[in-house]
Amino acid sequence: MQSSELDSPVAKFQGTGDKRVDKIKYDKKGKCIYINKEQYFEGVENNIWEYRIGGYQVLSKWLKDRKGKILSLDDVKHYCKIVTAIKQTIGIQKSIDKIYKESEKKIIEF
């Protein structure tokens, strides 16, 4: 993925405070990832939040690794780009799955 493809993030950081990662909580209804009582990333679909690589839930793991720390502006931007990259990856995987199923039908004859 090119960096420019991630310049329009799907997630946005909201709230006031010091950007300290305190308690991580996903609000499925509101599509938000809270890092503390006042601040959160909005616009995160459940399938993006649940996305796993190597058994790790990517978005949760990234924040857990920073628990107790204050996020910089670059950290916030980077996290929003991770959310965007996962969304695009899910779309690509769906396309590949569709193509694979169609090609498999042509290869396997009963």
PDB file of N, CA and C in Angstrom:
ATOM      1  N   MET A   1       0.823  -1.169   0.000  1.00  0.00           N
ATOM      2  CA  MET A   1       0.000   0.000   0.000  1.00  0.00           C
ATOM      3  C   MET A   1       0.875   1.243   0.000  1.00  0.00           C
ATOM      4  N   GLN A   2       0.506   2.178  -0.804  1.00  0.00           N
ATOM      5  CA  GLN A   2       1.234   3.438  -0.853  1.00  0.00           C
ATOM      6  C   GLN A   2       0.814   4.322   0.322  1.00  0.00           C
ATOM      7  N   SER A   3       1.731   5.110   0.806  1.00  0.00           N
ATOM      8  CA  SER A   3       1.442   6.011   1.915  1.00  0.00           C
ATOM      9  C   SER A   3       0.292   6.954   1.589  1.00  0.00           C
ATOM     10  N   SER A   4       0.205   7.399   0.336  1.00  0.00           N
ATOM     11  CA  SER A   4      -0.851   8.333  -0.056  1.00  0.00           C
ATOM     12  C   SER A   4      -2.238   7.709   0.065  1.00  0.00           C
ATOM     13  N   GLU A   5      -2.322   6.373  -0.019  1.00  0.00           N
ATOM     14  CA  GLU A   5      -3.604   5.688   0.124  1.00  0.00           C
ATOM     15  C   GLU A   5      -4.114   5.732   1.563  1.00  0.00           C
ATOM     16  N   LEU A   6      -3.255   6.090   2.481  1.00  0.00           N
ATOM     17  CA  LEU A   6      -3.619   6.132   3.889  1.00  0.00           C
ATOM     18  C   LEU A   6      -3.805   7.554   4.400  1.00  0.00           C
ATOM     19  N   ASP A   7      -3.666   8.535   3.497  1.00  0.00           N
ATOM     20  CA  ASP A   7      -3.729   9.935   3.902  1.00  0.00           C
ATOM     21  C   ASP A   7      -5.137  10.420   4.232  1.00  0.00           C
ATOM     22  N   SER A   8      -6.151   9.668   3.831  1.00  0.00           N
ATOM     23  CA  SER A   8      -7.535  10.000   4.180  1.00  0.00           C
ATOM     24  C   SER A   8      -8.030   8.945   5.162  1.00  0.00           C
ATOM     25  N   PRO A   9      -7.699   9.101   6.428  1.00  0.00           N
ATOM     26  CA  PRO A   9      -8.023   8.061   7.402  1.00  0.00           C
ATOM     27  C   PRO A   9      -9.521   7.883   7.615  1.00  0.00           C
ATOM     28  N   VAL A  10      -9.915   6.650   7.913  1.00  0.00           N
ATOM     29  CA  VAL A  10     -11.322   6.365   8.203  1.00  0.00           C
ATOM     30  C   VAL A  10     -11.644   6.645   9.671  1.00  0.00           C
ATOM     31  N   ALA A  11     -10.628   6.681  10.520  1.00  0.00           N
ATOM     32  CA  ALA A  11     -10.822   6.955  11.949  1.00  0.00           C
ATOM     33  C   ALA A  11     -10.385   8.377  12.274  1.00  0.00           C
ATOM     34  N   LYS A  12     -11.036   8.935  13.279  1.00  0.00           N
ATOM     35  CA  LYS A  12     -10.677  10.271  13.759  1.00  0.00           C
ATOM     36  C   LYS A  12     -10.564  10.229  15.278  1.00  0.00           C
ATOM     37  N   PHE A  13      -9.624  11.015  15.798  1.00  0.00           N
ATOM     38  CA  PHE A  13      -9.420  11.088  17.245  1.00  0.00           C
ATOM     39  C   PHE A  13     -10.276  12.218  17.803  1.00  0.00           C
ATOM     40  N   GLN A  14     -11.002  11.921  18.882  1.00  0.00           N
ATOM     41  CA  GLN A  14     -11.924  12.905  19.465  1.00  0.00           C
ATOM     42  C   GLN A  14     -11.728  12.989  20.973  1.00  0.00           C
ATOM     43  N   GLY A  15     -12.169  14.093  21.540  1.00  0.00           N
ATOM     44  CA  GLY A  15     -12.158  14.282  22.985  1.00  0.00           C
ATOM     45  C   GLY A  15     -11.047  15.204  23.440  1.00  0.00           C
ATOM     46  N   THR A  16     -11.157  15.613  24.700  1.00  0.00           N
ATOM     47  CA  THR A  16     -10.151  16.491  25.283  1.00  0.00           C
ATOM     48  C   THR A  16      -9.422  15.759  26.405  1.00  0.00           C
ATOM     49  N   GLY A  17      -8.167  16.102  26.565  1.00  0.00           N
ATOM     50  CA  GLY A  17      -7.356  15.481  27.601  1.00  0.00           C
ATOM     51  C   GLY A  17      -5.916  15.365  27.169  1.00  0.00           C
ATOM     52  N   ASP A  18      -5.169  14.522  27.861  1.00  0.00           N
ATOM     53  CA  ASP A  18      -3.735  14.424  27.601  1.00  0.00           C
ATOM     54  C   ASP A  18      -3.344  13.264  26.673  1.00  0.00           C
ATOM     55  N   LYS A  19      -4.330  12.553  26.121  1.00  0.00           N
ATOM     56  CA  LYS A  19      -4.099  11.417  25.201  1.00  0.00           C
ATOM     57  C   LYS A  19      -3.401  10.243  25.902  1.00  0.00           C
ATOM     58  N   ARG A  20      -3.641  10.095  27.199  1.00  0.00           N
ATOM     59  CA  ARG A  20      -3.048   8.980  27.933  1.00  0.00           C
ATOM     60  C   ARG A  20      -3.876   7.715  27.699  1.00  0.00           C
ATOM     61  N   VAL A  21      -3.191   6.646  27.354  1.00  0.00           N
ATOM     62  CA  VAL A  21      -3.853   5.355  27.171  1.00  0.00           C
ATOM     63  C   VAL A  21      -4.044   4.770  28.561  1.00  0.00           C
ATOM     64  N   ASP A  22      -5.297   4.781  28.999  1.00  0.00           N
ATOM     65  CA  ASP A  22      -5.620   4.344  30.350  1.00  0.00           C
ATOM     66  C   ASP A  22      -6.399   3.035  30.308  1.00  0.00           C
ATOM     67  N   LYS A  23      -7.656   3.115  29.938  1.00  0.00           N
ATOM     68  CA  LYS A  23      -8.502   1.927  29.848  1.00  0.00           C
ATOM     69  C   LYS A  23      -9.016   1.822  28.412  1.00  0.00           C
ATOM     70  N   ILE A  24      -8.689   0.725  27.746  1.00  0.00           N
ATOM     71  CA  ILE A  24      -9.062   0.521  26.352  1.00  0.00           C
ATOM     72  C   ILE A  24     -10.411  -0.186  26.312  1.00  0.00           C
ATOM     73  N   LYS A  25     -11.342   0.431  25.592  1.00  0.00           N
ATOM     74  CA  LYS A  25     -12.687  -0.133  25.497  1.00  0.00           C
ATOM     75  C   LYS A  25     -13.245   0.147  24.108  1.00  0.00           C
ATOM     76  N   TYR A  26     -13.818  -0.899  23.490  1.00  0.00           N
ATOM     77  CA  TYR A  26     -14.454  -0.714  22.190  1.00  0.00           C
ATOM     78  C   TYR A  26     -15.952  -0.599  22.378  1.00  0.00           C
ATOM     79  N   ASP A  27     -16.541   0.436  21.812  1.00  0.00           N
ATOM     80  CA  ASP A  27     -17.990   0.642  21.827  1.00  0.00           C
ATOM     81  C   ASP A  27     -18.516   0.245  20.455  1.00  0.00           C
ATOM     82  N   LYS A  28     -19.087  -0.949  20.392  1.00  0.00           N
ATOM     83  CA  LYS A  28     -19.560  -1.505  19.123  1.00  0.00           C
ATOM     84  C   LYS A  28     -20.666  -0.643  18.510  1.00  0.00           C
ATOM     85  N   LYS A  29     -21.576  -0.187  19.326  1.00  0.00           N
ATOM     86  CA  LYS A  29     -22.699   0.621  18.835  1.00  0.00           C
ATOM     87  C   LYS A  29     -22.213   1.962  18.267  1.00  0.00           C
ATOM     88  N   GLY A  30     -21.315   2.611  18.995  1.00  0.00           N
ATOM     89  CA  GLY A  30     -20.807   3.914  18.569  1.00  0.00           C
ATOM     90  C   GLY A  30     -19.625   3.838  17.622  1.00  0.00           C
ATOM     91  N   LYS A  31     -19.094   2.615  17.414  1.00  0.00           N
ATOM     92  CA  LYS A  31     -17.934   2.381  16.542  1.00  0.00           C
ATOM     93  C   LYS A  31     -16.732   3.218  16.993  1.00  0.00           C
ATOM     94  N   CYS A  32     -16.498   3.205  18.317  1.00  0.00           N
ATOM     95  CA  CYS A  32     -15.425   4.002  18.907  1.00  0.00           C
ATOM     96  C   CYS A  32     -14.512   3.133  19.757  1.00  0.00           C
ATOM     97  N   ILE A  33     -13.237   3.494  19.757  1.00  0.00           N
ATOM     98  CA  ILE A  33     -12.259   2.858  20.629  1.00  0.00           C
ATOM     99  C   ILE A  33     -11.836   3.905  21.651  1.00  0.00           C
ATOM    100  N   TYR A  34     -12.222   3.687  22.889  1.00  0.00           N
ATOM    101  CA  TYR A  34     -11.850   4.620  23.961  1.00  0.00           C
ATOM    102  C   TYR A  34     -10.476   4.256  24.494  1.00  0.00           C
ATOM    103  N   ILE A  35      -9.661   5.292  24.719  1.00  0.00           N
ATOM    104  CA  ILE A  35      -8.357   5.073  25.350  1.00  0.00           C
ATOM    105  C   ILE A  35      -8.374   5.548  26.804  1.00  0.00           C
ATOM    106  N   ASN A  36      -9.375   6.340  27.138  1.00  0.00           N
ATOM    107  CA  ASN A  36      -9.633   6.784  28.510  1.00  0.00           C
ATOM    108  C   ASN A  36     -11.089   7.247  28.551  1.00  0.00           C
ATOM    109  N   LYS A  37     -11.524   7.817  29.649  1.00  0.00           N
ATOM    110  CA  LYS A  37     -12.944   8.197  29.782  1.00  0.00           C
ATOM    111  C   LYS A  37     -13.375   9.286  28.810  1.00  0.00           C
ATOM    112  N   GLU A  38     -12.452  10.118  28.382  1.00  0.00           N
ATOM    113  CA  GLU A  38     -12.787  11.301  27.589  1.00  0.00           C
ATOM    114  C   GLU A  38     -12.370  11.238  26.121  1.00  0.00           C
ATOM    115  N   GLN A  39     -11.432  10.372  25.769  1.00  0.00           N
ATOM    116  CA  GLN A  39     -10.860  10.407  24.423  1.00  0.00           C
ATOM    117  C   GLN A  39     -11.000   9.068  23.717  1.00  0.00           C
ATOM    118  N   TYR A  40     -11.220   9.165  22.407  1.00  0.00           N
ATOM    119  CA  TYR A  40     -11.500   7.964  21.639  1.00  0.00           C
ATOM    120  C   TYR A  40     -11.216   8.165  20.146  1.00  0.00           C
ATOM    121  N   PHE A  41     -11.081   7.041  19.470  1.00  0.00           N
ATOM    122  CA  PHE A  41     -10.998   7.013  18.011  1.00  0.00           C
ATOM    123  C   PHE A  41     -12.380   6.632  17.512  1.00  0.00           C
ATOM    124  N   GLU A  42     -12.954   7.449  16.636  1.00  0.00           N
ATOM    125  CA  GLU A  42     -14.283   7.144  16.114  1.00  0.00           C
ATOM    126  C   GLU A  42     -14.192   6.667  14.671  1.00  0.00           C
ATOM    127  N   GLY A  43     -15.246   5.973  14.235  1.00  0.00           N
ATOM    128  CA  GLY A  43     -15.313   5.503  12.855  1.00  0.00           C
ATOM    129  C   GLY A  43     -14.655   4.152  12.635  1.00  0.00           C
ATOM    130  N   VAL A  44     -14.580   3.345  13.695  1.00  0.00           N
ATOM    131  CA  VAL A  44     -13.924   2.042  13.596  1.00  0.00           C
ATOM    132  C   VAL A  44     -14.983   0.944  13.607  1.00  0.00           C
ATOM    133  N   GLU A  45     -15.214   0.349  12.455  1.00  0.00           N
ATOM    134  CA  GLU A  45     -16.183  -0.740  12.335  1.00  0.00           C
ATOM    135  C   GLU A  45     -15.721  -1.942  13.161  1.00  0.00           C
ATOM    136  N   ASN A  46     -16.664  -2.761  13.587  1.00  0.00           N
ATOM    137  CA  ASN A  46     -16.363  -3.926  14.416  1.00  0.00           C
ATOM    138  C   ASN A  46     -15.394  -4.886  13.730  1.00  0.00           C
ATOM    139  N   ASN A  47     -15.571  -5.113  12.405  1.00  0.00           N
ATOM    140  CA  ASN A  47     -14.675  -6.053  11.703  1.00  0.00           C
ATOM    141  C   ASN A  47     -13.235  -5.542  11.670  1.00  0.00           C
ATOM    142  N   ILE A  48     -13.061  -4.240  11.702  1.00  0.00           N
ATOM    143  CA  ILE A  48     -11.714  -3.662  11.749  1.00  0.00           C
ATOM    144  C   ILE A  48     -11.141  -3.837  13.162  1.00  0.00           C
ATOM    145  N   TRP A  49     -11.939  -3.563  14.168  1.00  0.00           N
ATOM    146  CA  TRP A  49     -11.508  -3.731  15.569  1.00  0.00           C
ATOM    147  C   TRP A  49     -11.125  -5.183  15.841  1.00  0.00           C
ATOM    148  N   GLU A  50     -11.890  -6.118  15.300  1.00  0.00           N
ATOM    149  CA  GLU A  50     -11.669  -7.549  15.552  1.00  0.00           C
ATOM    150  C   GLU A  50     -10.561  -8.159  14.691  1.00  0.00           C
ATOM    151  N   TYR A  51     -10.032  -7.434  13.718  1.00  0.00           N
ATOM    152  CA  TYR A  51      -9.062  -7.983  12.770  1.00  0.00           C
ATOM    153  C   TYR A  51      -7.814  -8.493  13.497  1.00  0.00           C
ATOM    154  N   ARG A  52      -7.401  -9.693  13.119  1.00  0.00           N
ATOM    155  CA  ARG A  52      -6.260 -10.343  13.781  1.00  0.00           C
ATOM    156  C   ARG A  52      -5.172 -10.711  12.777  1.00  0.00           C
ATOM    157  N   ILE A  53      -3.952 -10.602  13.248  1.00  0.00           N
ATOM    158  CA  ILE A  53      -2.783 -11.075  12.511  1.00  0.00           C
ATOM    159  C   ILE A  53      -1.966 -11.893  13.498  1.00  0.00           C
ATOM    160  N   GLY A  54      -1.676 -13.131  13.129  1.00  0.00           N
ATOM    161  CA  GLY A  54      -0.877 -13.991  14.001  1.00  0.00           C
ATOM    162  C   GLY A  54      -1.486 -14.196  15.373  1.00  0.00           C
ATOM    163  N   GLY A  55      -2.799 -14.206  15.446  1.00  0.00           N
ATOM    164  CA  GLY A  55      -3.480 -14.414  16.714  1.00  0.00           C
ATOM    165  C   GLY A  55      -3.679 -13.154  17.537  1.00  0.00           C
ATOM    166  N   TYR A  56      -3.078 -12.041  17.127  1.00  0.00           N
ATOM    167  CA  TYR A  56      -3.210 -10.793  17.871  1.00  0.00           C
ATOM    168  C   TYR A  56      -4.274  -9.900  17.246  1.00  0.00           C
ATOM    169  N   GLN A  57      -5.091  -9.320  18.094  1.00  0.00           N
ATOM    170  CA  GLN A  57      -6.053  -8.322  17.653  1.00  0.00           C
ATOM    171  C   GLN A  57      -5.266  -7.016  17.493  1.00  0.00           C
ATOM    172  N   VAL A  58      -5.011  -6.638  16.256  1.00  0.00           N
ATOM    173  CA  VAL A  58      -4.043  -5.594  15.915  1.00  0.00           C
ATOM    174  C   VAL A  58      -4.279  -4.280  16.659  1.00  0.00           C
ATOM    175  N   LEU A  59      -5.481  -3.735  16.558  1.00  0.00           N
ATOM    176  CA  LEU A  59      -5.735  -2.417  17.154  1.00  0.00           C
ATOM    177  C   LEU A  59      -5.658  -2.442  18.675  1.00  0.00           C
ATOM    178  N   SER A  60      -6.161  -3.502  19.274  1.00  0.00           N
ATOM    179  CA  SER A  60      -6.079  -3.648  20.720  1.00  0.00           C
ATOM    180  C   SER A  60      -4.627  -3.798  21.176  1.00  0.00           C
ATOM    181  N   LYS A  61      -3.880  -4.629  20.501  1.00  0.00           N
ATOM    182  CA  LYS A  61      -2.477  -4.892  20.857  1.00  0.00           C
ATOM    183  C   LYS A  61      -1.649  -3.606  20.800  1.00  0.00           C
ATOM    184  N   TRP A  62      -1.847  -2.825  19.742  1.00  0.00           N
ATOM    185  CA  TRP A  62      -1.078  -1.589  19.582  1.00  0.00           C
ATOM    186  C   TRP A  62      -1.312  -0.664  20.778  1.00  0.00           C
ATOM    187  N   LEU A  63      -2.568  -0.537  21.186  1.00  0.00           N
ATOM    188  CA  LEU A  63      -2.882   0.331  22.319  1.00  0.00           C
ATOM    189  C   LEU A  63      -2.397  -0.270  23.640  1.00  0.00           C
ATOM    190  N   LYS A  64      -2.567  -1.577  23.819  1.00  0.00           N
ATOM    191  CA  LYS A  64      -2.113  -2.224  25.058  1.00  0.00           C
ATOM    192  C   LYS A  64      -0.610  -2.050  25.254  1.00  0.00           C
ATOM    193  N   ASP A  65       0.139  -2.059  24.149  1.00  0.00           N
ATOM    194  CA  ASP A  65       1.584  -1.853  24.235  1.00  0.00           C
ATOM    195  C   ASP A  65       1.939  -0.444  24.692  1.00  0.00           C
ATOM    196  N   ARG A  66       0.980   0.460  24.664  1.00  0.00           N
ATOM    197  CA  ARG A  66       1.220   1.852  25.043  1.00  0.00           C
ATOM    198  C   ARG A  66       0.428   2.256  26.294  1.00  0.00           C
ATOM    199  N   LYS A  67      -0.122   1.280  26.997  1.00  0.00           N
ATOM    200  CA  LYS A  67      -0.926   1.559  28.189  1.00  0.00           C
ATOM    201  C   LYS A  67      -0.080   2.320  29.222  1.00  0.00           C
ATOM    202  N   GLY A  68      -0.690   3.382  29.761  1.00  0.00           N
ATOM    203  CA  GLY A  68      -0.004   4.227  30.738  1.00  0.00           C
ATOM    204  C   GLY A  68       0.810   5.338  30.106  1.00  0.00           C
ATOM    205  N   LYS A  69       0.926   5.332  28.799  1.00  0.00           N
ATOM    206  CA  LYS A  69       1.721   6.354  28.097  1.00  0.00           C
ATOM    207  C   LYS A  69       0.807   7.381  27.443  1.00  0.00           C
ATOM    208  N   ILE A  70       1.377   8.527  27.150  1.00  0.00           N
ATOM    209  CA  ILE A  70       0.660   9.587  26.453  1.00  0.00           C
ATOM    210  C   ILE A  70       0.991   9.490  24.970  1.00  0.00           C
ATOM    211  N   LEU A  71      -0.056   9.457  24.139  1.00  0.00           N
ATOM    212  CA  LEU A  71       0.145   9.376  22.697  1.00  0.00           C
ATOM    213  C   LEU A  71       0.549  10.737  22.146  1.00  0.00           C
ATOM    214  N   SER A  72       1.514  10.728  21.272  1.00  0.00           N
ATOM    215  CA  SER A  72       1.914  11.956  20.576  1.00  0.00           C
ATOM    216  C   SER A  72       0.976  12.164  19.391  1.00  0.00           C
ATOM    217  N   LEU A  73       1.068  13.315  18.772  1.00  0.00           N
ATOM    218  CA  LEU A  73       0.274  13.579  17.576  1.00  0.00           C
ATOM    219  C   LEU A  73       0.636  12.571  16.481  1.00  0.00           C
ATOM    220  N   ASP A  74       1.928  12.257  16.349  1.00  0.00           N
ATOM    221  CA  ASP A  74       2.357  11.255  15.363  1.00  0.00           C
ATOM    222  C   ASP A  74       1.792   9.879  15.680  1.00  0.00           C
ATOM    223  N   ASP A  75       1.693   9.518  16.964  1.00  0.00           N
ATOM    224  CA  ASP A  75       1.086   8.245  17.365  1.00  0.00           C
ATOM    225  C   ASP A  75      -0.377   8.185  16.928  1.00  0.00           C
ATOM    226  N   VAL A  76      -1.103   9.262  17.168  1.00  0.00           N
ATOM    227  CA  VAL A  76      -2.521   9.329  16.807  1.00  0.00           C
ATOM    228  C   VAL A  76      -2.680   9.185  15.295  1.00  0.00           C
ATOM    229  N   LYS A  77      -1.875   9.917  14.537  1.00  0.00           N
ATOM    230  CA  LYS A  77      -1.937   9.829  13.071  1.00  0.00           C
ATOM    231  C   LYS A  77      -1.588   8.425  12.598  1.00  0.00           C
ATOM    232  N   HIS A  78      -0.571   7.829  13.195  1.00  0.00           N
ATOM    233  CA  HIS A  78      -0.142   6.480  12.826  1.00  0.00           C
ATOM    234  C   HIS A  78      -1.262   5.471  13.102  1.00  0.00           C
ATOM    235  N   TYR A  79      -1.907   5.576  14.258  1.00  0.00           N
ATOM    236  CA  TYR A  79      -2.987   4.655  14.607  1.00  0.00           C
ATOM    237  C   TYR A  79      -4.146   4.786  13.617  1.00  0.00           C
ATOM    238  N   CYS A  80      -4.477   6.007  13.239  1.00  0.00           N
ATOM    239  CA  CYS A  80      -5.545   6.221  12.249  1.00  0.00           C
ATOM    240  C   CYS A  80      -5.172   5.588  10.906  1.00  0.00           C
ATOM    241  N   LYS A  81      -3.897   5.636  10.556  1.00  0.00           N
ATOM    242  CA  LYS A  81      -3.439   4.999   9.320  1.00  0.00           C
ATOM    243  C   LYS A  81      -3.504   3.472   9.426  1.00  0.00           C
ATOM    244  N   ILE A  82      -3.240   2.939  10.607  1.00  0.00           N
ATOM    245  CA  ILE A  82      -3.359   1.495  10.808  1.00  0.00           C
ATOM    246  C   ILE A  82      -4.814   1.063  10.600  1.00  0.00           C
ATOM    247  N   VAL A  83      -5.753   1.817  11.167  1.00  0.00           N
ATOM    248  CA  VAL A  83      -7.182   1.522  10.997  1.00  0.00           C
ATOM    249  C   VAL A  83      -7.533   1.520   9.513  1.00  0.00           C
ATOM    250  N   THR A  84      -7.069   2.523   8.788  1.00  0.00           N
ATOM    251  CA  THR A  84      -7.345   2.645   7.356  1.00  0.00           C
ATOM    252  C   THR A  84      -6.723   1.483   6.586  1.00  0.00           C
ATOM    253  N   ALA A  85      -5.497   1.122   6.917  1.00  0.00           N
ATOM    254  CA  ALA A  85      -4.815   0.013   6.240  1.00  0.00           C
ATOM    255  C   ALA A  85      -5.554  -1.299   6.473  1.00  0.00           C
ATOM    256  N   ILE A  86      -6.046  -1.515   7.682  1.00  0.00           N
ATOM    257  CA  ILE A  86      -6.794  -2.747   7.968  1.00  0.00           C
ATOM    258  C   ILE A  86      -8.088  -2.770   7.163  1.00  0.00           C
ATOM    259  N   LYS A  87      -8.778  -1.643   7.084  1.00  0.00           N
ATOM    260  CA  LYS A  87     -10.020  -1.593   6.295  1.00  0.00           C
ATOM    261  C   LYS A  87      -9.729  -1.943   4.838  1.00  0.00           C
ATOM    262  N   GLN A  88      -8.680  -1.374   4.278  1.00  0.00           N
ATOM    263  CA  GLN A  88      -8.333  -1.654   2.886  1.00  0.00           C
ATOM    264  C   GLN A  88      -7.890  -3.106   2.717  1.00  0.00           C
ATOM    265  N   THR A  89      -7.182  -3.639   3.682  1.00  0.00           N
ATOM    266  CA  THR A  89      -6.739  -5.034   3.637  1.00  0.00           C
ATOM    267  C   THR A  89      -7.936  -5.978   3.638  1.00  0.00           C
ATOM    268  N   ILE A  90      -8.926  -5.705   4.468  1.00  0.00           N
ATOM    269  CA  ILE A  90     -10.137  -6.529   4.506  1.00  0.00           C
ATOM    270  C   ILE A  90     -10.823  -6.519   3.141  1.00  0.00           C
ATOM    271  N   GLY A  91     -10.890  -5.355   2.512  1.00  0.00           N
ATOM    272  CA  GLY A  91     -11.486  -5.254   1.175  1.00  0.00           C
ATOM    273  C   GLY A  91     -10.722  -6.065   0.147  1.00  0.00           C
ATOM    274  N   ILE A  92      -9.401  -6.003   0.198  1.00  0.00           N
ATOM    275  CA  ILE A  92      -8.562  -6.765  -0.729  1.00  0.00           C
ATOM    276  C   ILE A  92      -8.744  -8.268  -0.493  1.00  0.00           C
ATOM    277  N   GLN A  93      -8.788  -8.668   0.777  1.00  0.00           N
ATOM    278  CA  GLN A  93      -8.972 -10.087   1.090  1.00  0.00           C
ATOM    279  C   GLN A  93     -10.309 -10.607   0.575  1.00  0.00           C
ATOM    280  N   LYS A  94     -11.359  -9.799   0.675  1.00  0.00           N
ATOM    281  CA  LYS A  94     -12.670 -10.203   0.152  1.00  0.00           C
ATOM    282  C   LYS A  94     -12.610 -10.386  -1.365  1.00  0.00           C
ATOM    283  N   SER A  95     -11.908  -9.479  -2.051  1.00  0.00           N
ATOM    284  CA  SER A  95     -11.759  -9.587  -3.509  1.00  0.00           C
ATOM    285  C   SER A  95     -11.009 -10.861  -3.884  1.00  0.00           C
ATOM    286  N   ILE A  96      -9.951 -11.153  -3.164  1.00  0.00           N
ATOM    287  CA  ILE A  96      -9.156 -12.357  -3.422  1.00  0.00           C
ATOM    288  C   ILE A  96     -10.003 -13.605  -3.177  1.00  0.00           C
ATOM    289  N   ASP A  97     -10.757 -13.605  -2.082  1.00  0.00           N
ATOM    290  CA  ASP A  97     -11.620 -14.758  -1.779  1.00  0.00           C
ATOM    291  C   ASP A  97     -12.627 -14.999  -2.900  1.00  0.00           C
ATOM    292  N   LYS A  98     -13.199 -13.943  -3.423  1.00  0.00           N
ATOM    293  CA  LYS A  98     -14.184 -14.067  -4.507  1.00  0.00           C
ATOM    294  C   LYS A  98     -13.521 -14.624  -5.765  1.00  0.00           C
ATOM    295  N   ILE A  99     -12.372 -14.079  -6.116  1.00  0.00           N
ATOM    296  CA  ILE A  99     -11.645 -14.543  -7.300  1.00  0.00           C
ATOM    297  C   ILE A  99     -11.234 -16.002  -7.131  1.00  0.00           C
ATOM    298  N   TYR A 100     -10.777 -16.355  -5.933  1.00  0.00           N
ATOM    299  CA  TYR A 100     -10.331 -17.718  -5.669  1.00  0.00           C
ATOM    300  C   TYR A 100     -11.475 -18.708  -5.843  1.00  0.00           C
ATOM    301  N   LYS A 101     -12.631 -18.386  -5.286  1.00  0.00           N
ATOM    302  CA  LYS A 101     -13.787 -19.280  -5.411  1.00  0.00           C
ATOM    303  C   LYS A 101     -14.173 -19.476  -6.869  1.00  0.00           C
ATOM    304  N   GLU A 102     -14.138 -18.410  -7.651  1.00  0.00           N
ATOM    305  CA  GLU A 102     -14.484 -18.509  -9.067  1.00  0.00           C
ATOM    306  C   GLU A 102     -13.452 -19.333  -9.837  1.00  0.00           C
ATOM    307  N   SER A 103     -12.183 -19.128  -9.548  1.00  0.00           N
ATOM    308  CA  SER A 103     -11.135 -19.880 -10.252  1.00  0.00           C
ATOM    309  C   SER A 103     -11.125 -21.349  -9.815  1.00  0.00           C
ATOM    310  N   GLU A 104     -11.464 -21.604  -8.570  1.00  0.00           N
ATOM    311  CA  GLU A 104     -11.513 -22.972  -8.063  1.00  0.00           C
ATOM    312  C   GLU A 104     -12.602 -23.768  -8.788  1.00  0.00           C
ATOM    313  N   LYS A 105     -13.728 -23.130  -9.077  1.00  0.00           N
ATOM    314  CA  LYS A 105     -14.797 -23.801  -9.815  1.00  0.00           C
ATOM    315  C   LYS A 105     -14.343 -24.221 -11.193  1.00  0.00           C
ATOM    316  N   LYS A 106     -13.523 -23.410 -11.822  1.00  0.00           N
ATOM    317  CA  LYS A 106     -13.041 -23.701 -13.172  1.00  0.00           C
ATOM    318  C   LYS A 106     -11.987 -24.811 -13.165  1.00  0.00           C
ATOM    319  N   ILE A 107     -11.229 -24.900 -12.112  1.00  0.00           N
ATOM    320  CA  ILE A 107     -10.143 -25.893 -12.020  1.00  0.00           C
ATOM    321  C   ILE A 107     -10.671 -27.271 -11.632  1.00  0.00           C
ATOM    322  N   ILE A 108     -11.580 -27.296 -10.658  1.00  0.00           N
ATOM    323  CA  ILE A 108     -12.085 -28.565 -10.149  1.00  0.00           C
ATOM    324  C   ILE A 108     -13.358 -28.931 -10.893  1.00  0.00           C
ATOM    325  N   GLU A 109     -13.312 -30.044 -11.564  1.00  0.00           N
ATOM    326  CA  GLU A 109     -14.483 -30.500 -12.277  1.00  0.00           C
ATOM    327  C   GLU A 109     -14.941 -31.810 -11.650  1.00  0.00           C
ATOM    328  N   PHE A 110     -16.229 -31.924 -11.478  1.00  0.00           N
ATOM    329  CA  PHE A 110     -16.783 -33.139 -10.887  1.00  0.00           C
ATOM    330  C   PHE A 110     -17.393 -33.993 -11.956  1.00  0.00           C
TER     331      PHE A 110
END
